[in-house]
Amino acid sequence: MKILITVFLSLLILLINIDSLFAITEKDYQAKMEVWEHKRELASQYLLEAEKAFKAGDELQGCASQREASEMGIEATKSLITAMETNGSSSEIENLQVGLNMWTKLGNIC
């Protein structure tokens, strides 16, 4: 009888620990997705600023904004990749790596 109770309590403790692990993973996933969303929006804003500067003939400001967009895009994409790995979704990571390379090239153009 003591063995049965010990086994039951052990399984209960194990299940509680697994639930805690899933909660931590979910919080980490949500945090990474929030970073991705925020950095992606910033990258878009910097790209618009760069476009306006280039159209106005201000190449220096255009390049500075483009580099900022690149940095934000890189950080956003890395965060999304990490979130997907945390969530166990690895099917699209290769495509995201291509996007990461494009953000890097964008920053190196100027």
PDB file of N, CA and C in Angstrom:
ATOM      1  N   MET A   1       0.817  -1.186   0.000  1.00  0.00           N
ATOM      2  CA  MET A   1       0.000   0.000   0.000  1.00  0.00           C
ATOM      3  C   MET A   1       0.869   1.262   0.000  1.00  0.00           C
ATOM      4  N   LYS A   2       1.963   1.242   0.772  1.00  0.00           N
ATOM      5  CA  LYS A   2       2.869   2.387   0.806  1.00  0.00           C
ATOM      6  C   LYS A   2       3.508   2.612  -0.566  1.00  0.00           C
ATOM      7  N   ILE A   3       3.802   1.535  -1.244  1.00  0.00           N
ATOM      8  CA  ILE A   3       4.408   1.644  -2.578  1.00  0.00           C
ATOM      9  C   ILE A   3       3.429   2.283  -3.547  1.00  0.00           C
ATOM     10  N   LEU A   4       2.182   1.896  -3.477  1.00  0.00           N
ATOM     11  CA  LEU A   4       1.143   2.444  -4.341  1.00  0.00           C
ATOM     12  C   LEU A   4       0.979   3.951  -4.103  1.00  0.00           C
ATOM     13  N   ILE A   5       0.968   4.350  -2.855  1.00  0.00           N
ATOM     14  CA  ILE A   5       0.842   5.772  -2.521  1.00  0.00           C
ATOM     15  C   ILE A   5       2.078   6.535  -2.995  1.00  0.00           C
ATOM     16  N   THR A   6       3.247   5.949  -2.814  1.00  0.00           N
ATOM     17  CA  THR A   6       4.489   6.590  -3.253  1.00  0.00           C
ATOM     18  C   THR A   6       4.510   6.763  -4.767  1.00  0.00           C
ATOM     19  N   VAL A   7       4.098   5.741  -5.496  1.00  0.00           N
ATOM     20  CA  VAL A   7       4.045   5.815  -6.953  1.00  0.00           C
ATOM     21  C   VAL A   7       3.038   6.880  -7.392  1.00  0.00           C
ATOM     22  N   PHE A   8       1.870   6.893  -6.748  1.00  0.00           N
ATOM     23  CA  PHE A   8       0.849   7.879  -7.076  1.00  0.00           C
ATOM     24  C   PHE A   8       1.358   9.303  -6.836  1.00  0.00           C
ATOM     25  N   LEU A   9       1.971   9.530  -5.694  1.00  0.00           N
ATOM     26  CA  LEU A   9       2.508  10.861  -5.377  1.00  0.00           C
ATOM     27  C   LEU A   9       3.632  11.245  -6.340  1.00  0.00           C
ATOM     28  N   SER A  10       4.453  10.296  -6.707  1.00  0.00           N
ATOM     29  CA  SER A  10       5.533  10.569  -7.662  1.00  0.00           C
ATOM     30  C   SER A  10       4.971  10.989  -9.015  1.00  0.00           C
ATOM     31  N   LEU A  11       3.943  10.283  -9.467  1.00  0.00           N
ATOM     32  CA  LEU A  11       3.313  10.637 -10.746  1.00  0.00           C
ATOM     33  C   LEU A  11       2.653  12.010 -10.661  1.00  0.00           C
ATOM     34  N   LEU A  12       2.029  12.301  -9.545  1.00  0.00           N
ATOM     35  CA  LEU A  12       1.395  13.595  -9.356  1.00  0.00           C
ATOM     36  C   LEU A  12       2.426  14.725  -9.396  1.00  0.00           C
ATOM     37  N   ILE A  13       3.529  14.531  -8.715  1.00  0.00           N
ATOM     38  CA  ILE A  13       4.603  15.537  -8.718  1.00  0.00           C
ATOM     39  C   ILE A  13       5.167  15.695 -10.122  1.00  0.00           C
ATOM     40  N   LEU A  14       5.349  14.600 -10.831  1.00  0.00           N
ATOM     41  CA  LEU A  14       5.858  14.653 -12.202  1.00  0.00           C
ATOM     42  C   LEU A  14       4.913  15.432 -13.105  1.00  0.00           C
ATOM     43  N   LEU A  15       3.618  15.188 -12.987  1.00  0.00           N
ATOM     44  CA  LEU A  15       2.644  15.912 -13.801  1.00  0.00           C
ATOM     45  C   LEU A  15       2.637  17.402 -13.478  1.00  0.00           C
ATOM     46  N   ILE A  16       2.765  17.744 -12.225  1.00  0.00           N
ATOM     47  CA  ILE A  16       2.810  19.154 -11.837  1.00  0.00           C
ATOM     48  C   ILE A  16       4.045  19.819 -12.434  1.00  0.00           C
ATOM     49  N   ASN A  17       5.183  19.139 -12.399  1.00  0.00           N
ATOM     50  CA  ASN A  17       6.413  19.692 -12.976  1.00  0.00           C
ATOM     51  C   ASN A  17       6.304  19.853 -14.484  1.00  0.00           C
ATOM     52  N   ILE A  18       5.655  18.912 -15.153  1.00  0.00           N
ATOM     53  CA  ILE A  18       5.480  19.007 -16.603  1.00  0.00           C
ATOM     54  C   ILE A  18       4.587  20.190 -16.939  1.00  0.00           C
ATOM     55  N   ASP A  19       3.501  20.373 -16.188  1.00  0.00           N
ATOM     56  CA  ASP A  19       2.627  21.530 -16.413  1.00  0.00           C
ATOM     57  C   ASP A  19       3.381  22.831 -16.224  1.00  0.00           C
ATOM     58  N   SER A  20       4.250  22.892 -15.216  1.00  0.00           N
ATOM     59  CA  SER A  20       5.056  24.095 -14.989  1.00  0.00           C
ATOM     60  C   SER A  20       5.991  24.336 -16.162  1.00  0.00           C
ATOM     61  N   LEU A  21       6.570  23.280 -16.678  1.00  0.00           N
ATOM     62  CA  LEU A  21       7.469  23.404 -17.822  1.00  0.00           C
ATOM     63  C   LEU A  21       6.716  23.936 -19.036  1.00  0.00           C
ATOM     64  N   PHE A  22       5.516  23.426 -19.293  1.00  0.00           N
ATOM     65  CA  PHE A  22       4.720  23.915 -20.414  1.00  0.00           C
ATOM     66  C   PHE A  22       4.335  25.378 -20.224  1.00  0.00           C
ATOM     67  N   ALA A  23       4.039  25.771 -18.991  1.00  0.00           N
ATOM     68  CA  ALA A  23       3.694  27.169 -18.714  1.00  0.00           C
ATOM     69  C   ALA A  23       4.885  28.078 -18.993  1.00  0.00           C
ATOM     70  N   ILE A  24       6.072  27.655 -18.593  1.00  0.00           N
ATOM     71  CA  ILE A  24       7.279  28.448 -18.859  1.00  0.00           C
ATOM     72  C   ILE A  24       7.520  28.534 -20.354  1.00  0.00           C
ATOM     73  N   THR A  25       7.369  27.417 -21.053  1.00  0.00           N
ATOM     74  CA  THR A  25       7.565  27.402 -22.495  1.00  0.00           C
ATOM     75  C   THR A  25       6.565  28.326 -23.189  1.00  0.00           C
ATOM     76  N   GLU A  26       5.323  28.305 -22.747  1.00  0.00           N
ATOM     77  CA  GLU A  26       4.284  29.153 -23.337  1.00  0.00           C
ATOM     78  C   GLU A  26       4.593  30.630 -23.085  1.00  0.00           C
ATOM     79  N   LYS A  27       5.046  30.964 -21.889  1.00  0.00           N
ATOM     80  CA  LYS A  27       5.408  32.349 -21.580  1.00  0.00           C
ATOM     81  C   LYS A  27       6.583  32.797 -22.437  1.00  0.00           C
ATOM     82  N   ASP A  28       7.570  31.924 -22.597  1.00  0.00           N
ATOM     83  CA  ASP A  28       8.727  32.249 -23.432  1.00  0.00           C
ATOM     84  C   ASP A  28       8.307  32.460 -24.874  1.00  0.00           C
ATOM     85  N   TYR A  29       7.422  31.585 -25.352  1.00  0.00           N
ATOM     86  CA  TYR A  29       6.908  31.707 -26.719  1.00  0.00           C
ATOM     87  C   TYR A  29       6.191  33.044 -26.905  1.00  0.00           C
ATOM     88  N   GLN A  30       5.311  33.385 -25.973  1.00  0.00           N
ATOM     89  CA  GLN A  30       4.567  34.643 -26.063  1.00  0.00           C
ATOM     90  C   GLN A  30       5.502  35.847 -26.028  1.00  0.00           C
ATOM     91  N   ALA A  31       6.511  35.789 -25.172  1.00  0.00           N
ATOM     92  CA  ALA A  31       7.469  36.896 -25.078  1.00  0.00           C
ATOM     93  C   ALA A  31       8.219  37.064 -26.392  1.00  0.00           C
ATOM     94  N   LYS A  32       8.646  35.969 -26.989  1.00  0.00           N
ATOM     95  CA  LYS A  32       9.370  36.034 -28.265  1.00  0.00           C
ATOM     96  C   LYS A  32       8.466  36.561 -29.378  1.00  0.00           C
ATOM     97  N   MET A  33       7.201  36.174 -29.361  1.00  0.00           N
ATOM     98  CA  MET A  33       6.272  36.658 -30.379  1.00  0.00           C
ATOM     99  C   MET A  33       6.013  38.158 -30.219  1.00  0.00           C
ATOM    100  N   GLU A  34       5.964  38.622 -28.980  1.00  0.00           N
ATOM    101  CA  GLU A  34       5.790  40.057 -28.743  1.00  0.00           C
ATOM    102  C   GLU A  34       7.001  40.843 -29.235  1.00  0.00           C
ATOM    103  N   VAL A  35       8.188  40.314 -28.994  1.00  0.00           N
ATOM    104  CA  VAL A  35       9.408  40.966 -29.493  1.00  0.00           C
ATOM    105  C   VAL A  35       9.378  41.000 -31.011  1.00  0.00           C
ATOM    106  N   TRP A  36       9.001  39.876 -31.627  1.00  0.00           N
ATOM    107  CA  TRP A  36       8.927  39.818 -33.081  1.00  0.00           C
ATOM    108  C   TRP A  36       7.977  40.880 -33.621  1.00  0.00           C
ATOM    109  N   GLU A  37       6.801  40.970 -33.046  1.00  0.00           N
ATOM    110  CA  GLU A  37       5.804  41.930 -33.521  1.00  0.00           C
ATOM    111  C   GLU A  37       6.312  43.369 -33.386  1.00  0.00           C
ATOM    112  N   HIS A  38       6.883  43.685 -32.236  1.00  0.00           N
ATOM    113  CA  HIS A  38       7.382  45.041 -31.984  1.00  0.00           C
ATOM    114  C   HIS A  38       8.532  45.397 -32.930  1.00  0.00           C
ATOM    115  N   LYS A  39       9.502  44.519 -33.049  1.00  0.00           N
ATOM    116  CA  LYS A  39      10.676  44.788 -33.902  1.00  0.00           C
ATOM    117  C   LYS A  39      10.281  44.829 -35.375  1.00  0.00           C
ATOM    118  N   ARG A  40       9.324  44.004 -35.766  1.00  0.00           N
ATOM    119  CA  ARG A  40       8.863  44.003 -37.157  1.00  0.00           C
ATOM    120  C   ARG A  40       8.214  45.342 -37.504  1.00  0.00           C
ATOM    121  N   GLU A  41       7.414  45.866 -36.579  1.00  0.00           N
ATOM    122  CA  GLU A  41       6.791  47.169 -36.801  1.00  0.00           C
ATOM    123  C   GLU A  41       7.839  48.274 -36.902  1.00  0.00           C
ATOM    124  N   LEU A  42       8.840  48.207 -36.031  1.00  0.00           N
ATOM    125  CA  LEU A  42       9.916  49.204 -36.092  1.00  0.00           C
ATOM    126  C   LEU A  42      10.677  49.118 -37.410  1.00  0.00           C
ATOM    127  N   ALA A  43      10.954  47.903 -37.853  1.00  0.00           N
ATOM    128  CA  ALA A  43      11.665  47.723 -39.124  1.00  0.00           C
ATOM    129  C   ALA A  43      10.859  48.329 -40.273  1.00  0.00           C
ATOM    130  N   SER A  44       9.560  48.135 -40.268  1.00  0.00           N
ATOM    131  CA  SER A  44       8.705  48.706 -41.315  1.00  0.00           C
ATOM    132  C   SER A  44       8.742  50.227 -41.277  1.00  0.00           C
ATOM    133  N   GLN A  45       8.704  50.796 -40.088  1.00  0.00           N
ATOM    134  CA  GLN A  45       8.762  52.256 -39.961  1.00  0.00           C
ATOM    135  C   GLN A  45      10.097  52.799 -40.473  1.00  0.00           C
ATOM    136  N   TYR A  46      11.176  52.134 -40.106  1.00  0.00           N
ATOM    137  CA  TYR A  46      12.494  52.580 -40.581  1.00  0.00           C
ATOM    138  C   TYR A  46      12.618  52.469 -42.096  1.00  0.00           C
ATOM    139  N   LEU A  47      12.026  51.429 -42.666  1.00  0.00           N
ATOM    140  CA  LEU A  47      12.063  51.294 -44.128  1.00  0.00           C
ATOM    141  C   LEU A  47      11.307  52.433 -44.802  1.00  0.00           C
ATOM    142  N   LEU A  48      10.168  52.812 -44.245  1.00  0.00           N
ATOM    143  CA  LEU A  48       9.425  53.950 -44.809  1.00  0.00           C
ATOM    144  C   LEU A  48      10.227  55.242 -44.688  1.00  0.00           C
ATOM    145  N   GLU A  49      10.886  55.428 -43.546  1.00  0.00           N
ATOM    146  CA  GLU A  49      11.733  56.607 -43.367  1.00  0.00           C
ATOM    147  C   GLU A  49      12.883  56.614 -44.381  1.00  0.00           C
ATOM    148  N   ALA A  50      13.478  55.449 -44.598  1.00  0.00           N
ATOM    149  CA  ALA A  50      14.578  55.348 -45.561  1.00  0.00           C
ATOM    150  C   ALA A  50      14.080  55.688 -46.966  1.00  0.00           C
ATOM    151  N   GLU A  51      12.927  55.172 -47.331  1.00  0.00           N
ATOM    152  CA  GLU A  51      12.363  55.447 -48.647  1.00  0.00           C
ATOM    153  C   GLU A  51      12.138  56.950 -48.841  1.00  0.00           C
ATOM    154  N   LYS A  52      11.559  57.599 -47.843  1.00  0.00           N
ATOM    155  CA  LYS A  52      11.313  59.035 -47.921  1.00  0.00           C
ATOM    156  C   LYS A  52      12.628  59.807 -48.047  1.00  0.00           C
ATOM    157  N   ALA A  53      13.622  59.410 -47.274  1.00  0.00           N
ATOM    158  CA  ALA A  53      14.916  60.099 -47.313  1.00  0.00           C
ATOM    159  C   ALA A  53      15.576  59.930 -48.679  1.00  0.00           C
ATOM    160  N   PHE A  54      15.548  58.721 -49.220  1.00  0.00           N
ATOM    161  CA  PHE A  54      16.146  58.499 -50.541  1.00  0.00           C
ATOM    162  C   PHE A  54      15.420  59.310 -51.611  1.00  0.00           C
ATOM    163  N   LYS A  55      14.093  59.357 -51.526  1.00  0.00           N
ATOM    164  CA  LYS A  55      13.324  60.137 -52.500  1.00  0.00           C
ATOM    165  C   LYS A  55      13.624  61.624 -52.390  1.00  0.00           C
ATOM    166  N   ALA A  56      13.933  62.074 -51.178  1.00  0.00           N
ATOM    167  CA  ALA A  56      14.258  63.489 -50.958  1.00  0.00           C
ATOM    168  C   ALA A  56      15.716  63.790 -51.294  1.00  0.00           C
ATOM    169  N   GLY A  57      16.469  62.761 -51.662  1.00  0.00           N
ATOM    170  CA  GLY A  57      17.863  62.957 -52.033  1.00  0.00           C
ATOM    171  C   GLY A  57      18.826  62.910 -50.857  1.00  0.00           C
ATOM    172  N   ASP A  58      18.349  62.562 -49.684  1.00  0.00           N
ATOM    173  CA  ASP A  58      19.198  62.495 -48.494  1.00  0.00           C
ATOM    174  C   ASP A  58      19.707  61.067 -48.313  1.00  0.00           C
ATOM    175  N   GLU A  59      20.784  60.755 -49.017  1.00  0.00           N
ATOM    176  CA  GLU A  59      21.314  59.400 -49.010  1.00  0.00           C
ATOM    177  C   GLU A  59      21.857  59.002 -47.635  1.00  0.00           C
ATOM    178  N   LEU A  60      22.468  59.942 -46.934  1.00  0.00           N
ATOM    179  CA  LEU A  60      23.029  59.643 -45.615  1.00  0.00           C
ATOM    180  C   LEU A  60      21.926  59.207 -44.636  1.00  0.00           C
ATOM    181  N   GLN A  61      20.840  59.980 -44.583  1.00  0.00           N
ATOM    182  CA  GLN A  61      19.726  59.627 -43.692  1.00  0.00           C
ATOM    183  C   GLN A  61      19.040  58.355 -44.171  1.00  0.00           C
ATOM    184  N   GLY A  62      18.920  58.203 -45.483  1.00  0.00           N
ATOM    185  CA  GLY A  62      18.307  56.995 -46.031  1.00  0.00           C
ATOM    186  C   GLY A  62      19.071  55.743 -45.636  1.00  0.00           C
ATOM    187  N   CYS A  63      20.397  55.825 -45.740  1.00  0.00           N
ATOM    188  CA  CYS A  63      21.224  54.667 -45.367  1.00  0.00           C
ATOM    189  C   CYS A  63      21.150  54.390 -43.870  1.00  0.00           C
ATOM    190  N   ALA A  64      21.127  55.440 -43.069  1.00  0.00           N
ATOM    191  CA  ALA A  64      21.034  55.258 -41.618  1.00  0.00           C
ATOM    192  C   ALA A  64      19.715  54.578 -41.254  1.00  0.00           C
ATOM    193  N   SER A  65      18.627  55.031 -41.850  1.00  0.00           N
ATOM    194  CA  SER A  65      17.322  54.416 -41.579  1.00  0.00           C
ATOM    195  C   SER A  65      17.265  52.986 -42.096  1.00  0.00           C
ATOM    196  N   GLN A  66      17.891  52.743 -43.226  1.00  0.00           N
ATOM    197  CA  GLN A  66      17.921  51.403 -43.806  1.00  0.00           C
ATOM    198  C   GLN A  66      18.687  50.449 -42.898  1.00  0.00           C
ATOM    199  N   ARG A  67      19.806  50.908 -42.338  1.00  0.00           N
ATOM    200  CA  ARG A  67      20.572  50.071 -41.411  1.00  0.00           C
ATOM    201  C   ARG A  67      19.761  49.772 -40.147  1.00  0.00           C
ATOM    202  N   GLU A  68      19.044  50.784 -39.648  1.00  0.00           N
ATOM    203  CA  GLU A  68      18.192  50.574 -38.478  1.00  0.00           C
ATOM    204  C   GLU A  68      17.101  49.548 -38.802  1.00  0.00           C
ATOM    205  N   ALA A  69      16.522  49.657 -39.977  1.00  0.00           N
ATOM    206  CA  ALA A  69      15.499  48.694 -40.396  1.00  0.00           C
ATOM    207  C   ALA A  69      16.097  47.289 -40.446  1.00  0.00           C
ATOM    208  N   SER A  70      17.305  47.202 -40.962  1.00  0.00           N
ATOM    209  CA  SER A  70      17.984  45.913 -41.039  1.00  0.00           C
ATOM    210  C   SER A  70      18.192  45.319 -39.652  1.00  0.00           C
ATOM    211  N   GLU A  71      18.670  46.120 -38.727  1.00  0.00           N
ATOM    212  CA  GLU A  71      18.907  45.626 -37.367  1.00  0.00           C
ATOM    213  C   GLU A  71      17.612  45.162 -36.709  1.00  0.00           C
ATOM    214  N   MET A  72      16.545  45.948 -36.864  1.00  0.00           N
ATOM    215  CA  MET A  72      15.258  45.574 -36.274  1.00  0.00           C
ATOM    216  C   MET A  72      14.704  44.312 -36.940  1.00  0.00           C
ATOM    217  N   GLY A  73      14.862  44.222 -38.254  1.00  0.00           N
ATOM    218  CA  GLY A  73      14.397  43.048 -38.985  1.00  0.00           C
ATOM    219  C   GLY A  73      15.140  41.788 -38.576  1.00  0.00           C
ATOM    220  N   ILE A  74      16.443  41.922 -38.365  1.00  0.00           N
ATOM    221  CA  ILE A  74      17.251  40.780 -37.921  1.00  0.00           C
ATOM    222  C   ILE A  74      16.806  40.329 -36.534  1.00  0.00           C
ATOM    223  N   GLU A  75      16.666  41.293 -35.618  1.00  0.00           N
ATOM    224  CA  GLU A  75      16.236  40.951 -34.260  1.00  0.00           C
ATOM    225  C   GLU A  75      14.838  40.326 -34.263  1.00  0.00           C
ATOM    226  N   ALA A  76      13.945  40.876 -35.078  1.00  0.00           N
ATOM    227  CA  ALA A  76      12.583  40.343 -35.159  1.00  0.00           C
ATOM    228  C   ALA A  76      12.590  38.913 -35.684  1.00  0.00           C
ATOM    229  N   THR A  77      13.328  38.686 -36.739  1.00  0.00           N
ATOM    230  CA  THR A  77      13.361  37.360 -37.350  1.00  0.00           C
ATOM    231  C   THR A  77      13.998  36.340 -36.421  1.00  0.00           C
ATOM    232  N   LYS A  78      15.074  36.722 -35.744  1.00  0.00           N
ATOM    233  CA  LYS A  78      15.701  35.804 -34.785  1.00  0.00           C
ATOM    234  C   LYS A  78      14.728  35.453 -33.665  1.00  0.00           C
ATOM    235  N   SER A  79      13.977  36.436 -33.214  1.00  0.00           N
ATOM    236  CA  SER A  79      12.992  36.182 -32.160  1.00  0.00           C
ATOM    237  C   SER A  79      11.906  35.237 -32.650  1.00  0.00           C
ATOM    238  N   LEU A  80      11.459  35.420 -33.881  1.00  0.00           N
ATOM    239  CA  LEU A  80      10.441  34.535 -34.448  1.00  0.00           C
ATOM    240  C   LEU A  80      10.975  33.115 -34.599  1.00  0.00           C
ATOM    241  N   ILE A  81      12.211  32.981 -35.038  1.00  0.00           N
ATOM    242  CA  ILE A  81      12.826  31.653 -35.169  1.00  0.00           C
ATOM    243  C   ILE A  81      12.886  30.970 -33.803  1.00  0.00           C
ATOM    244  N   THR A  82      13.319  31.709 -32.793  1.00  0.00           N
ATOM    245  CA  THR A  82      13.391  31.152 -31.443  1.00  0.00           C
ATOM    246  C   THR A  82      12.006  30.756 -30.937  1.00  0.00           C
ATOM    247  N   ALA A  83      11.015  31.592 -31.207  1.00  0.00           N
ATOM    248  CA  ALA A  83       9.642  31.273 -30.782  1.00  0.00           C
ATOM    249  C   ALA A  83       9.153  30.003 -31.456  1.00  0.00           C
ATOM    250  N   MET A  84       9.433  29.866 -32.728  1.00  0.00           N
ATOM    251  CA  MET A  84       8.991  28.670 -33.451  1.00  0.00           C
ATOM    252  C   MET A  84       9.705  27.427 -32.931  1.00  0.00           C
ATOM    253  N   GLU A  85      11.000  27.555 -32.624  1.00  0.00           N
ATOM    254  CA  GLU A  85      11.731  26.415 -32.064  1.00  0.00           C
ATOM    255  C   GLU A  85      11.176  26.055 -30.685  1.00  0.00           C
ATOM    256  N   THR A  86      10.847  27.065 -29.885  1.00  0.00           N
ATOM    257  CA  THR A  86      10.273  26.832 -28.560  1.00  0.00           C
ATOM    258  C   THR A  86       8.942  26.110 -28.673  1.00  0.00           C
ATOM    259  N   ASN A  87       8.175  26.475 -29.692  1.00  0.00           N
ATOM    260  CA  ASN A  87       6.853  25.898 -29.899  1.00  0.00           C
ATOM    261  C   ASN A  87       6.915  24.538 -30.593  1.00  0.00           C
ATOM    262  N   GLY A  88       8.083  24.161 -31.066  1.00  0.00           N
ATOM    263  CA  GLY A  88       8.232  22.879 -31.743  1.00  0.00           C
ATOM    264  C   GLY A  88       7.906  22.932 -33.224  1.00  0.00           C
ATOM    265  N   SER A  89       7.728  24.130 -33.764  1.00  0.00           N
ATOM    266  CA  SER A  89       7.428  24.283 -35.185  1.00  0.00           C
ATOM    267  C   SER A  89       8.722  24.595 -35.929  1.00  0.00           C
ATOM    268  N   SER A  90       9.218  23.635 -36.637  1.00  0.00           N
ATOM    269  CA  SER A  90      10.486  23.860 -37.336  1.00  0.00           C
ATOM    270  C   SER A  90      10.341  23.815 -38.854  1.00  0.00           C
ATOM    271  N   SER A  91       9.127  23.676 -39.347  1.00  0.00           N
ATOM    272  CA  SER A  91       8.937  23.499 -40.791  1.00  0.00           C
ATOM    273  C   SER A  91       9.249  24.761 -41.589  1.00  0.00           C
ATOM    274  N   GLU A  92       9.057  25.935 -41.023  1.00  0.00           N
ATOM    275  CA  GLU A  92       9.259  27.190 -41.756  1.00  0.00           C
ATOM    276  C   GLU A  92      10.576  27.888 -41.417  1.00  0.00           C
ATOM    277  N   ILE A  93      11.394  27.276 -40.593  1.00  0.00           N
ATOM    278  CA  ILE A  93      12.619  27.945 -40.142  1.00  0.00           C
ATOM    279  C   ILE A  93      13.570  28.193 -41.310  1.00  0.00           C
ATOM    280  N   GLU A  94      13.602  27.300 -42.263  1.00  0.00           N
ATOM    281  CA  GLU A  94      14.477  27.493 -43.424  1.00  0.00           C
ATOM    282  C   GLU A  94      14.091  28.755 -44.188  1.00  0.00           C
ATOM    283  N   ASN A  95      12.784  28.975 -44.368  1.00  0.00           N
ATOM    284  CA  ASN A  95      12.316  30.195 -45.041  1.00  0.00           C
ATOM    285  C   ASN A  95      12.661  31.435 -44.230  1.00  0.00           C
ATOM    286  N   LEU A  96      12.563  31.328 -42.912  1.00  0.00           N
ATOM    287  CA  LEU A  96      12.914  32.462 -42.061  1.00  0.00           C
ATOM    288  C   LEU A  96      14.402  32.768 -42.132  1.00  0.00           C
ATOM    289  N   GLN A  97      15.215  31.745 -42.307  1.00  0.00           N
ATOM    290  CA  GLN A  97      16.669  31.958 -42.469  1.00  0.00           C
ATOM    291  C   GLN A  97      16.948  32.754 -43.736  1.00  0.00           C
ATOM    292  N   VAL A  98      16.185  32.478 -44.785  1.00  0.00           N
ATOM    293  CA  VAL A  98      16.323  33.242 -46.029  1.00  0.00           C
ATOM    294  C   VAL A  98      15.967  34.700 -45.776  1.00  0.00           C
ATOM    295  N   GLY A  99      14.879  34.930 -45.040  1.00  0.00           N
ATOM    296  CA  GLY A  99      14.492  36.286 -44.682  1.00  0.00           C
ATOM    297  C   GLY A  99      15.544  36.966 -43.838  1.00  0.00           C
ATOM    298  N   LEU A 100      16.154  36.237 -42.935  1.00  0.00           N
ATOM    299  CA  LEU A 100      17.226  36.775 -42.094  1.00  0.00           C
ATOM    300  C   LEU A 100      18.404  37.214 -42.954  1.00  0.00           C
ATOM    301  N   ASN A 101      18.736  36.415 -43.940  1.00  0.00           N
ATOM    302  CA  ASN A 101      19.826  36.774 -44.858  1.00  0.00           C
ATOM    303  C   ASN A 101      19.495  38.036 -45.652  1.00  0.00           C
ATOM    304  N   MET A 102      18.213  38.175 -46.035  1.00  0.00           N
ATOM    305  CA  MET A 102      17.806  39.369 -46.786  1.00  0.00           C
ATOM    306  C   MET A 102      17.919  40.630 -45.923  1.00  0.00           C
ATOM    307  N   TRP A 103      17.528  40.530 -44.655  1.00  0.00           N
ATOM    308  CA  TRP A 103      17.671  41.680 -43.749  1.00  0.00           C
ATOM    309  C   TRP A 103      19.133  42.055 -43.597  1.00  0.00           C
ATOM    310  N   THR A 104      20.000  41.052 -43.516  1.00  0.00           N
ATOM    311  CA  THR A 104      21.440  41.315 -43.381  1.00  0.00           C
ATOM    312  C   THR A 104      21.970  42.010 -44.627  1.00  0.00           C
ATOM    313  N   LYS A 105      21.582  41.527 -45.792  1.00  0.00           N
ATOM    314  CA  LYS A 105      22.021  42.164 -47.048  1.00  0.00           C
ATOM    315  C   LYS A 105      21.527  43.594 -47.146  1.00  0.00           C
ATOM    316  N   LEU A 106      20.295  43.835 -46.703  1.00  0.00           N
ATOM    317  CA  LEU A 106      19.732  45.183 -46.744  1.00  0.00           C
ATOM    318  C   LEU A 106      20.589  46.152 -45.927  1.00  0.00           C
ATOM    319  N   GLY A 107      21.054  45.690 -44.783  1.00  0.00           N
ATOM    320  CA  GLY A 107      21.889  46.540 -43.935  1.00  0.00           C
ATOM    321  C   GLY A 107      23.271  46.768 -44.494  1.00  0.00           C
ATOM    322  N   ASN A 108      23.738  45.866 -45.343  1.00  0.00           N
ATOM    323  CA  ASN A 108      25.082  45.973 -45.907  1.00  0.00           C
ATOM    324  C   ASN A 108      25.126  46.750 -47.215  1.00  0.00           C
ATOM    325  N   ILE A 109      23.978  47.108 -47.763  1.00  0.00           N
ATOM    326  CA  ILE A 109      23.943  47.788 -49.068  1.00  0.00           C
ATOM    327  C   ILE A 109      24.587  49.173 -48.988  1.00  0.00           C
ATOM    328  N   CYS A 110      24.262  49.908 -47.953  1.00  0.00           N
ATOM    329  CA  CYS A 110      24.764  51.278 -47.847  1.00  0.00           C
ATOM    330  C   CYS A 110      26.188  51.321 -47.332  1.00  0.00           C
TER     331      CYS A 110
END
